[in-house]
Amino acid sequence: MPSRKIFMVVFVFSLFLIQKSVAQISNSDNGIISPIIPENSWILLKAKGTFQWNYGDWKNRYPYFTSIPIEVEYSHQNKWAIGANYAFTLGSQVVTDPLFKGMTNMDGYLLDLNGYPAVIRTYMRGFQSQLYFLKTHIIRSNRSARWLLQYGAGAGYYLNYTKYVFDLDMVPLLERNNLGLFDQRAGGYSTIQKAQLSYLDNNSVSFYFGMEVFQGYGKSLRPYTMGIGSNQGTKTDGSFGLFGGIIIPINVSKQRVETTDYFVD
């Protein structure tokens, strides 16, 4: 929990600093003759990588994981944006000790049919999907590119489970119908908040990076989990993470006027 609080403080403080910088830039431009640059609307295709540290009930099952979100976003004249994402969860850290309680030998190993320690690899798998809204501020811009600050929130659905990899027909406890007692499958509604800096170029692939906080309000999709017992109530899953990725912009505005108009602030 302390790490979560630290991250939230950094998250809010970063927004404050960036907003202050935007205001200073705006004030410094007063009194200067500036070009009027009409802003386009865009369809943005995004792909990113995210590293997420978990808290709450999620941390008891999966301490941290990576995800690969794919996003489609409509950006209206760099004022606001609305989008949808779908993220594959790819974790390799799984807490399995409670699941095998009472099933291991004196040395803590789960044995296979030959009496040897079973070689079992476990992974966190699943997905997150949200619709989101972002407020956009232009930090710097010219006719060909711009720096943008965006922040906002969204809501959607998530699902996760534990994937097991081992030699088939060697660990009967984890095979066929028994696997549902160990896979910790859970899911439900989710919310997300994020802030990001984007560099958007009119004519080439662009990039963005930022931070996000995730909250999951799910429940177990199995009536019973081995070593834990009957599954009841809501799971308070959550994570906070850092991300970076690329943007493929598609201009959906009318042809831009090539002449330059001027105004005095």
Protein backbone atom coordinates (compact mmCIF):
# COMPACT_ATOMS: atom_id res chain seq x y z
CA MET A 1 0.00 0.00 0.00
CA PRO A 2 2.83 2.56 0.66
CA SER A 3 4.05 2.09 -2.92
CA ARG A 4 0.53 2.70 -4.20
CA LYS A 5 0.29 5.95 -2.22
CA ILE A 6 3.69 7.10 -3.50
CA PHE A 7 2.66 6.38 -7.09
CA MET A 8 -0.62 8.30 -6.67
CA VAL A 9 1.26 11.30 -5.22
CA VAL A 10 3.71 11.24 -8.17
CA PHE A 11 0.77 10.86 -10.57
CA VAL A 12 -1.06 13.94 -9.23
CA PHE A 13 2.13 16.01 -8.80
CA SER A 14 3.17 15.29 -12.41
CA LEU A 15 -0.18 16.57 -13.66
CA PHE A 16 0.24 19.72 -11.57
CA LEU A 17 3.71 20.44 -12.95
CA ILE A 18 2.68 19.87 -16.55
CA GLN A 19 -0.43 22.04 -16.18
CA LYS A 20 1.71 24.79 -14.67
CA SER A 21 4.16 24.53 -17.57
CA VAL A 22 1.29 24.82 -20.07
CA ALA A 23 0.05 27.97 -18.33
CA GLN A 24 3.55 29.50 -18.36
CA ILE A 25 3.96 28.78 -22.05
CA SER A 26 0.59 30.36 -22.76
CA ASN A 27 1.44 33.48 -20.74
CA SER A 28 4.84 33.84 -22.39
CA ASP A 29 3.17 33.97 -25.81
CA ASN A 30 0.97 36.98 -24.94
CA GLY A 31 1.75 40.06 -26.99
CA ILE A 32 3.55 38.09 -29.71
CA ILE A 33 2.20 37.83 -33.23
CA SER A 34 1.43 34.12 -33.62
CA PRO A 35 0.29 32.03 -36.58
CA ILE A 36 -3.22 30.63 -36.44
CA ILE A 37 -2.73 26.93 -37.03
CA PRO A 38 -6.02 25.08 -37.58
CA GLU A 39 -6.05 21.75 -35.79
CA ASN A 40 -7.04 18.49 -37.47
CA SER A 41 -9.17 15.66 -36.21
CA TRP A 42 -7.55 12.24 -36.20
CA ILE A 43 -8.17 8.54 -36.00
CA LEU A 44 -5.22 7.25 -33.96
CA LEU A 45 -4.12 3.62 -34.02
CA LYS A 46 -1.98 2.89 -30.95
CA ALA A 47 0.09 0.00 -29.66
CA LYS A 48 1.99 0.11 -26.38
CA GLY A 49 3.67 -1.94 -23.69
CA THR A 50 2.75 -1.52 -20.02
CA PHE A 51 4.42 -2.74 -16.86
CA GLN A 52 2.00 -2.93 -13.93
CA TRP A 53 2.55 -3.42 -10.20
CA ASN A 54 -0.45 -4.95 -8.47
CA TYR A 55 -2.13 -4.19 -5.16
CA GLY A 56 -5.18 -5.49 -3.30
CA ASP A 57 -6.41 -9.02 -4.01
CA TRP A 58 -4.55 -9.08 -7.31
CA LYS A 59 -1.21 -8.84 -5.52
CA ASN A 60 -2.06 -11.99 -3.55
CA ARG A 61 -2.27 -13.90 -6.84
CA TYR A 62 0.01 -12.02 -9.23
CA PRO A 63 2.56 -9.50 -7.83
CA TYR A 64 3.16 -7.77 -11.18
CA PHE A 65 2.75 -8.31 -14.92
CA THR A 66 3.13 -6.77 -18.35
CA SER A 67 0.37 -6.09 -20.84
CA ILE A 68 0.18 -5.22 -24.54
CA PRO A 69 -2.74 -2.84 -25.16
CA ILE A 70 -4.03 -1.99 -28.62
CA GLU A 71 -6.05 1.24 -28.83
CA VAL A 72 -8.26 2.96 -31.41
CA GLU A 73 -8.92 6.61 -30.64
CA TYR A 74 -10.76 9.54 -32.17
CA SER A 75 -9.06 12.86 -31.39
CA HIS A 76 -11.18 15.96 -32.06
CA GLN A 77 -8.98 18.91 -33.08
CA ASN A 78 -6.60 18.13 -30.21
CA LYS A 79 -9.20 19.25 -27.66
CA TRP A 80 -10.53 15.91 -26.47
CA ALA A 81 -10.38 12.26 -27.45
CA ILE A 82 -12.50 9.16 -27.03
CA GLY A 83 -11.23 5.64 -27.56
CA ALA A 84 -11.33 1.94 -26.83
CA ASN A 85 -8.56 -0.47 -25.88
CA TYR A 86 -7.96 -4.18 -25.61
CA ALA A 87 -4.96 -5.39 -23.60
CA PHE A 88 -3.46 -8.88 -23.39
CA THR A 89 -2.07 -9.65 -19.91
CA LEU A 90 1.25 -11.52 -19.92
CA GLY A 91 2.44 -12.20 -16.38
CA SER A 92 4.99 -14.80 -15.29
CA GLN A 93 4.79 -14.20 -11.51
CA VAL A 94 2.09 -16.34 -9.86
CA VAL A 95 1.59 -17.04 -6.15
CA THR A 96 0.73 -20.76 -5.99
CA ASP A 97 1.70 -21.71 -2.42
CA PRO A 98 -1.86 -21.45 -1.02
CA LEU A 99 -3.25 -23.58 -3.86
CA PHE A 100 -1.06 -26.61 -3.13
CA LYS A 101 -1.40 -26.50 0.64
CA GLY A 102 -1.39 -30.05 2.00
CA MET A 103 -0.51 -31.59 -1.38
CA THR A 104 3.27 -31.24 -1.32
CA ASN A 105 5.91 -33.45 0.27
CA MET A 106 8.07 -32.56 3.25
CA ASP A 107 10.38 -30.52 1.02
CA GLY A 108 7.50 -28.50 -0.41
CA TYR A 109 7.40 -30.17 -3.84
CA LEU A 110 4.35 -31.36 -5.72
CA LEU A 111 5.17 -34.84 -7.08
CA ASP A 112 4.36 -36.28 -10.49
CA LEU A 113 3.27 -39.87 -11.24
CA ASN A 114 6.88 -41.07 -11.13
CA GLY A 115 7.42 -39.65 -7.66
CA TYR A 116 9.69 -36.84 -8.86
CA PRO A 117 9.14 -33.12 -8.24
CA ALA A 118 6.74 -31.93 -10.92
CA VAL A 119 8.10 -29.31 -13.29
CA ILE A 120 5.28 -26.78 -13.48
CA ARG A 121 5.41 -23.34 -15.05
CA THR A 122 2.65 -20.86 -14.27
CA TYR A 123 1.58 -17.68 -16.04
CA MET A 124 -0.98 -14.94 -15.57
CA ARG A 125 -3.21 -14.67 -18.63
CA GLY A 126 -6.34 -12.73 -19.53
CA PHE A 127 -7.36 -9.35 -20.88
CA GLN A 128 -8.54 -5.84 -20.04
CA SER A 129 -10.88 -3.80 -22.22
CA GLN A 130 -12.13 -0.25 -21.62
CA LEU A 131 -13.82 2.72 -23.24
CA TYR A 132 -12.13 5.95 -22.18
CA PHE A 133 -12.27 9.74 -22.53
CA LEU A 134 -9.25 12.07 -22.54
CA LYS A 135 -8.94 15.84 -22.19
CA THR A 136 -6.19 17.23 -24.43
CA HIS A 137 -3.93 20.28 -23.99
CA ILE A 138 -1.47 21.43 -26.67
CA ILE A 139 1.93 22.16 -25.13
CA ARG A 140 3.89 22.98 -28.29
CA SER A 141 2.79 22.89 -31.93
CA ASN A 142 3.67 23.89 -35.48
CA ARG A 143 2.26 23.02 -38.87
CA SER A 144 3.74 19.54 -38.94
CA ALA A 145 3.81 18.28 -35.34
CA ARG A 146 2.71 18.95 -31.78
CA TRP A 147 3.29 17.89 -28.17
CA LEU A 148 0.11 17.01 -26.28
CA LEU A 149 -0.76 16.46 -22.63
CA GLN A 150 -3.73 14.14 -22.14
CA TYR A 151 -5.46 12.84 -19.04
CA GLY A 152 -8.75 11.12 -18.37
CA ALA A 153 -10.55 7.97 -17.28
CA GLY A 154 -12.50 5.01 -18.56
CA ALA A 155 -14.47 1.90 -17.63
CA GLY A 156 -14.79 -1.63 -18.97
CA TYR A 157 -14.33 -5.33 -18.23
CA TYR A 158 -11.37 -7.52 -17.28
CA LEU A 159 -10.66 -11.24 -16.85
CA ASN A 160 -7.63 -13.16 -15.62
CA TYR A 161 -6.64 -16.73 -14.85
CA THR A 162 -3.58 -18.86 -14.13
CA LYS A 163 -2.19 -20.90 -17.01
CA TYR A 164 -0.24 -24.09 -16.18
CA VAL A 165 2.39 -25.68 -18.43
CA PHE A 166 3.68 -29.17 -17.54
CA ASP A 167 4.10 -32.66 -19.01
CA LEU A 168 0.66 -34.07 -19.80
CA ASP A 169 -0.51 -37.18 -17.94
CA MET A 170 2.17 -36.63 -15.31
CA VAL A 171 0.37 -34.33 -12.85
CA PRO A 172 -3.23 -35.65 -12.56
CA LEU A 173 -4.12 -33.04 -9.91
CA LEU A 174 -3.81 -30.27 -12.49
CA GLU A 175 -5.34 -31.98 -15.51
CA ARG A 176 -8.71 -32.06 -17.22
CA ASN A 177 -11.64 -31.25 -14.92
CA ASN A 178 -9.35 -30.67 -11.94
CA LEU A 179 -7.70 -27.66 -13.56
CA GLY A 180 -10.69 -25.46 -12.72
CA LEU A 181 -9.86 -25.89 -9.03
CA PHE A 182 -6.48 -24.19 -9.50
CA ASP A 183 -6.76 -21.62 -12.30
CA GLN A 184 -8.07 -18.75 -10.10
CA ARG A 185 -10.27 -17.49 -12.94
CA ALA A 186 -11.83 -14.14 -12.03
CA GLY A 187 -13.24 -11.09 -13.75
CA GLY A 188 -15.67 -8.22 -13.63
CA TYR A 189 -16.06 -4.48 -14.13
CA SER A 190 -13.05 -2.17 -14.13
CA THR A 191 -12.13 1.51 -14.12
CA ILE A 192 -8.92 3.20 -15.20
CA GLN A 193 -7.29 6.63 -14.93
CA LYS A 194 -4.31 7.71 -16.96
CA ALA A 195 -2.13 10.66 -17.96
CA GLN A 196 0.17 10.75 -20.97
CA LEU A 197 2.42 12.90 -23.13
CA SER A 198 2.08 12.41 -26.88
CA TYR A 199 4.16 13.57 -29.82
CA LEU A 200 1.91 13.65 -32.88
CA ASP A 201 3.44 14.17 -36.31
CA ASN A 202 1.20 14.80 -39.32
CA ASN A 203 3.20 12.64 -41.70
CA SER A 204 4.85 9.83 -39.76
CA VAL A 205 4.54 7.32 -36.96
CA SER A 206 4.49 9.12 -33.60
CA PHE A 207 4.89 8.07 -29.98
CA TYR A 208 3.50 8.53 -26.47
CA PHE A 209 4.24 7.55 -22.86
CA GLY A 210 2.59 7.95 -19.48
CA MET A 211 1.21 6.35 -16.34
CA GLU A 212 -2.08 4.71 -15.36
CA VAL A 213 -4.00 3.35 -12.39
CA PHE A 214 -6.39 0.38 -12.71
CA GLN A 215 -9.18 -0.77 -10.39
CA GLY A 216 -11.02 -4.07 -10.79
CA TYR A 217 -14.35 -4.89 -9.13
CA GLY A 218 -14.64 -8.55 -9.99
CA LYS A 219 -15.39 -11.90 -8.48
CA SER A 220 -14.15 -15.44 -8.83
CA LEU A 221 -15.67 -17.30 -11.78
CA ARG A 222 -15.12 -20.62 -9.99
CA PRO A 223 -17.31 -21.69 -7.04
CA TYR A 224 -14.33 -23.25 -5.26
CA THR A 225 -10.54 -22.87 -5.36
CA MET A 226 -8.26 -25.55 -3.93
CA GLY A 227 -6.36 -24.41 -0.84
CA ILE A 228 -8.55 -21.31 -0.52
CA GLY A 229 -12.07 -22.69 -0.28
CA SER A 230 -15.43 -21.33 -1.37
CA ASN A 231 -15.23 -18.15 -3.44
CA GLN A 232 -17.58 -15.40 -2.32
CA GLY A 233 -17.66 -11.61 -2.44
CA THR A 234 -15.96 -9.01 -4.61
CA LYS A 235 -12.26 -9.02 -5.43
CA THR A 236 -10.63 -5.61 -5.05
CA ASP A 237 -8.02 -6.01 -7.77
CA GLY A 238 -5.81 -3.11 -8.77
CA SER A 239 -2.55 -2.02 -10.35
CA PHE A 240 -0.51 1.04 -11.23
CA GLY A 241 1.87 1.15 -14.14
CA LEU A 242 4.02 2.93 -16.69
CA PHE A 243 3.64 2.63 -20.45
CA GLY A 244 5.06 3.73 -23.77
CA GLY A 245 4.09 3.07 -27.36
CA ILE A 246 3.66 4.21 -30.96
CA ILE A 247 0.88 6.08 -32.76
CA ILE A 248 -0.22 5.74 -36.38
CA PRO A 249 -2.24 8.91 -37.15
CA ILE A 250 -4.96 9.01 -39.81
CA ASN A 251 -6.17 12.51 -40.72
CA VAL A 252 -9.97 12.68 -40.99
CA SER A 253 -10.23 16.49 -41.33
CA LYS A 254 -10.74 18.45 -44.52
CA GLN A 255 -7.71 19.57 -46.48
CA ARG A 256 -5.77 22.11 -44.42
CA VAL A 257 -5.38 25.62 -45.75
CA GLU A 258 -1.74 26.20 -46.69
CA THR A 259 -1.81 29.98 -46.27
CA THR A 260 -0.84 31.41 -42.89
CA ASP A 261 -3.19 33.74 -41.04
CA TYR A 262 -1.99 35.87 -38.15
CA PHE A 263 -3.49 37.34 -35.04
CA VAL A 264 -2.22 39.38 -32.12
CA ASP A 265 -2.70 37.88 -28.64
